[in-house]
Amino acid sequence: LADESNALNSKIFSLPRLLLLSALDELPEGDGITYRELRDGLKMRDGILFTNLETLKKTGYVRSRKIRVEGEELTEYSVTRDGREELKKVKAWFADWAGGKNG
């Protein structure tokens, strides 16, 4: 497990980032969700949400784009292919850890 953990990106090991990636991973590929929907759905404060979305964008796991909804400009977020792959690795690592594999 220790060796496998070295292959994981430690920048996503925080509860808000894992929650964000998991929520975005639930969307069909190519679909996105607005900042407001993420905030309300995950019940995150703006500072926590914004900071963690920015970190995930910098890692290339999340992308954003501007959209117009009823004349209002909003930011929509979606998970990238790299983000989905990294989340799979993290889930597998946690499953191994929780299952007591390798010790």
C-alpha atoms as a PDB file:
ATOM      1  CA  LEU A   1       0.000   0.000   0.000  1.00  0.00           C
ATOM      2  CA  ALA A   2       2.802   2.419   0.792  1.00  0.00           C
ATOM      3  CA  ASP A   3       4.367   1.883  -2.620  1.00  0.00           C
ATOM      4  CA  GLU A   4       1.006   2.299  -4.342  1.00  0.00           C
ATOM      5  CA  SER A   5       0.324   5.525  -2.434  1.00  0.00           C
ATOM      6  CA  ASN A   6       3.375   7.109  -4.063  1.00  0.00           C
ATOM      7  CA  ALA A   7       1.606   6.862  -7.433  1.00  0.00           C
ATOM      8  CA  LEU A   8      -1.349   8.925  -6.167  1.00  0.00           C
ATOM      9  CA  ASN A   9      -1.508  12.702  -6.451  1.00  0.00           C
ATOM     10  CA  SER A  10      -1.404  13.987  -2.885  1.00  0.00           C
ATOM     11  CA  LYS A  11      -3.006  17.268  -3.986  1.00  0.00           C
ATOM     12  CA  ILE A  12      -6.426  15.620  -4.068  1.00  0.00           C
ATOM     13  CA  PHE A  13      -6.218  14.077  -0.609  1.00  0.00           C
ATOM     14  CA  SER A  14      -8.632  16.377   1.161  1.00  0.00           C
ATOM     15  CA  LEU A  15     -12.271  15.740   1.890  1.00  0.00           C
ATOM     16  CA  PRO A  16     -13.521  18.735  -0.152  1.00  0.00           C
ATOM     17  CA  ARG A  17     -11.469  17.731  -3.209  1.00  0.00           C
ATOM     18  CA  LEU A  18     -12.548  14.107  -3.031  1.00  0.00           C
ATOM     19  CA  LEU A  19     -16.182  15.198  -2.630  1.00  0.00           C
ATOM     20  CA  LEU A  20     -15.891  17.545  -5.604  1.00  0.00           C
ATOM     21  CA  LEU A  21     -14.301  14.939  -7.849  1.00  0.00           C
ATOM     22  CA  SER A  22     -16.851  12.337  -6.781  1.00  0.00           C
ATOM     23  CA  ALA A  23     -19.773  14.693  -7.452  1.00  0.00           C
ATOM     24  CA  LEU A  24     -18.412  15.659 -10.861  1.00  0.00           C
ATOM     25  CA  ASP A  25     -17.630  12.033 -11.687  1.00  0.00           C
ATOM     26  CA  GLU A  26     -21.348  11.216 -11.277  1.00  0.00           C
ATOM     27  CA  LEU A  27     -22.151  13.404 -14.283  1.00  0.00           C
ATOM     28  CA  PRO A  28     -22.161  11.875 -17.750  1.00  0.00           C
ATOM     29  CA  GLU A  29     -18.997  12.622 -19.716  1.00  0.00           C
ATOM     30  CA  GLY A  30     -19.171  16.084 -21.218  1.00  0.00           C
ATOM     31  CA  ASP A  31     -21.795  17.365 -18.766  1.00  0.00           C
ATOM     32  CA  GLY A  32     -21.095  20.004 -16.153  1.00  0.00           C
ATOM     33  CA  ILE A  33     -22.609  21.615 -13.103  1.00  0.00           C
ATOM     34  CA  THR A  34     -22.633  25.227 -11.975  1.00  0.00           C
ATOM     35  CA  TYR A  35     -20.728  26.613  -9.035  1.00  0.00           C
ATOM     36  CA  ARG A  36     -24.024  27.351  -7.289  1.00  0.00           C
ATOM     37  CA  GLU A  37     -25.263  23.788  -7.787  1.00  0.00           C
ATOM     38  CA  LEU A  38     -21.989  22.381  -6.406  1.00  0.00           C
ATOM     39  CA  ARG A  39     -22.064  24.728  -3.423  1.00  0.00           C
ATOM     40  CA  ASP A  40     -25.660  23.954  -2.567  1.00  0.00           C
ATOM     41  CA  GLY A  41     -25.439  20.219  -3.266  1.00  0.00           C
ATOM     42  CA  LEU A  42     -22.254  19.688  -1.254  1.00  0.00           C
ATOM     43  CA  LYS A  43     -23.131  22.331   1.362  1.00  0.00           C
ATOM     44  CA  MET A  44     -19.685  23.924   1.078  1.00  0.00           C
ATOM     45  CA  ARG A  45     -18.820  27.473   1.996  1.00  0.00           C
ATOM     46  CA  ASP A  46     -17.700  29.652  -0.903  1.00  0.00           C
ATOM     47  CA  GLY A  47     -14.090  29.954   0.280  1.00  0.00           C
ATOM     48  CA  ILE A  48     -13.636  26.209   0.619  1.00  0.00           C
ATOM     49  CA  LEU A  49     -15.371  25.474  -2.675  1.00  0.00           C
ATOM     50  CA  PHE A  50     -13.508  28.107  -4.684  1.00  0.00           C
ATOM     51  CA  THR A  51     -10.073  27.227  -3.282  1.00  0.00           C
ATOM     52  CA  ASN A  52     -10.508  23.510  -3.896  1.00  0.00           C
ATOM     53  CA  LEU A  53     -11.949  23.947  -7.381  1.00  0.00           C
ATOM     54  CA  GLU A  54      -8.958  26.119  -8.278  1.00  0.00           C
ATOM     55  CA  THR A  55      -6.547  23.466  -7.009  1.00  0.00           C
ATOM     56  CA  LEU A  56      -8.327  20.780  -9.023  1.00  0.00           C
ATOM     57  CA  LYS A  57      -8.252  22.993 -12.113  1.00  0.00           C
ATOM     58  CA  LYS A  58      -4.498  23.543 -11.702  1.00  0.00           C
ATOM     59  CA  THR A  59      -3.923  19.790 -11.512  1.00  0.00           C
ATOM     60  CA  GLY A  60      -5.933  19.325 -14.702  1.00  0.00           C
ATOM     61  CA  TYR A  61      -8.621  17.224 -13.015  1.00  0.00           C
ATOM     62  CA  VAL A  62     -11.418  19.785 -13.391  1.00  0.00           C
ATOM     63  CA  ARG A  63     -12.182  22.286 -16.130  1.00  0.00           C
ATOM     64  CA  SER A  64     -14.483  25.281 -16.130  1.00  0.00           C
ATOM     65  CA  ARG A  65     -16.292  27.263 -18.746  1.00  0.00           C
ATOM     66  CA  LYS A  66     -18.647  30.225 -18.802  1.00  0.00           C
ATOM     67  CA  ILE A  67     -22.267  29.562 -19.741  1.00  0.00           C
ATOM     68  CA  ARG A  68     -25.366  31.734 -19.969  1.00  0.00           C
ATOM     69  CA  VAL A  69     -28.508  30.674 -18.138  1.00  0.00           C
ATOM     70  CA  GLU A  70     -31.559  32.919 -18.389  1.00  0.00           C
ATOM     71  CA  GLY A  71     -29.320  35.840 -19.303  1.00  0.00           C
ATOM     72  CA  GLU A  72     -26.963  35.297 -16.367  1.00  0.00           C
ATOM     73  CA  GLU A  73     -23.313  34.322 -16.882  1.00  0.00           C
ATOM     74  CA  LEU A  74     -22.389  31.342 -14.713  1.00  0.00           C
ATOM     75  CA  THR A  75     -19.363  29.111 -14.392  1.00  0.00           C
ATOM     76  CA  GLU A  76     -19.873  25.431 -15.118  1.00  0.00           C
ATOM     77  CA  TYR A  77     -17.451  22.769 -13.912  1.00  0.00           C
ATOM     78  CA  SER A  78     -16.783  19.283 -15.206  1.00  0.00           C
ATOM     79  CA  VAL A  79     -14.296  16.523 -14.494  1.00  0.00           C
ATOM     80  CA  THR A  80     -11.580  15.768 -17.025  1.00  0.00           C
ATOM     81  CA  ARG A  81     -10.523  12.313 -18.194  1.00  0.00           C
ATOM     82  CA  ASP A  82      -7.405  12.675 -15.989  1.00  0.00           C
ATOM     83  CA  GLY A  83      -9.631  13.561 -13.048  1.00  0.00           C
ATOM     84  CA  ARG A  84     -11.759  10.465 -13.563  1.00  0.00           C
ATOM     85  CA  GLU A  85      -8.644   8.284 -13.802  1.00  0.00           C
ATOM     86  CA  GLU A  86      -7.094   9.758 -10.662  1.00  0.00           C
ATOM     87  CA  LEU A  87     -10.343   9.289  -8.746  1.00  0.00           C
ATOM     88  CA  LYS A  88     -10.402   5.624  -9.814  1.00  0.00           C
ATOM     89  CA  LYS A  89      -6.867   5.200  -8.456  1.00  0.00           C
ATOM     90  CA  VAL A  90      -7.799   6.845  -5.169  1.00  0.00           C
ATOM     91  CA  LYS A  91     -10.936   4.712  -4.794  1.00  0.00           C
ATOM     92  CA  ALA A  92      -8.953   1.542  -5.480  1.00  0.00           C
ATOM     93  CA  TRP A  93      -6.266   2.574  -2.987  1.00  0.00           C
ATOM     94  CA  PHE A  94      -8.877   3.323  -0.305  1.00  0.00           C
ATOM     95  CA  ALA A  95     -10.615  -0.001  -0.990  1.00  0.00           C
ATOM     96  CA  ASP A  96      -7.306  -1.829  -0.549  1.00  0.00           C
ATOM     97  CA  TRP A  97      -6.547   0.143   2.607  1.00  0.00           C
ATOM     98  CA  ALA A  98      -9.995  -0.420   4.113  1.00  0.00           C
ATOM     99  CA  GLY A  99      -9.906  -4.100   3.187  1.00  0.00           C
ATOM    100  CA  GLY A 100      -6.593  -4.614   4.922  1.00  0.00           C
ATOM    101  CA  LYS A 101      -4.798  -5.681   1.762  1.00  0.00           C
ATOM    102  CA  ASN A 102      -1.028  -5.952   2.247  1.00  0.00           C
ATOM    103  CA  GLY A 103      -1.246  -5.977   5.943  1.00  0.00           C
END
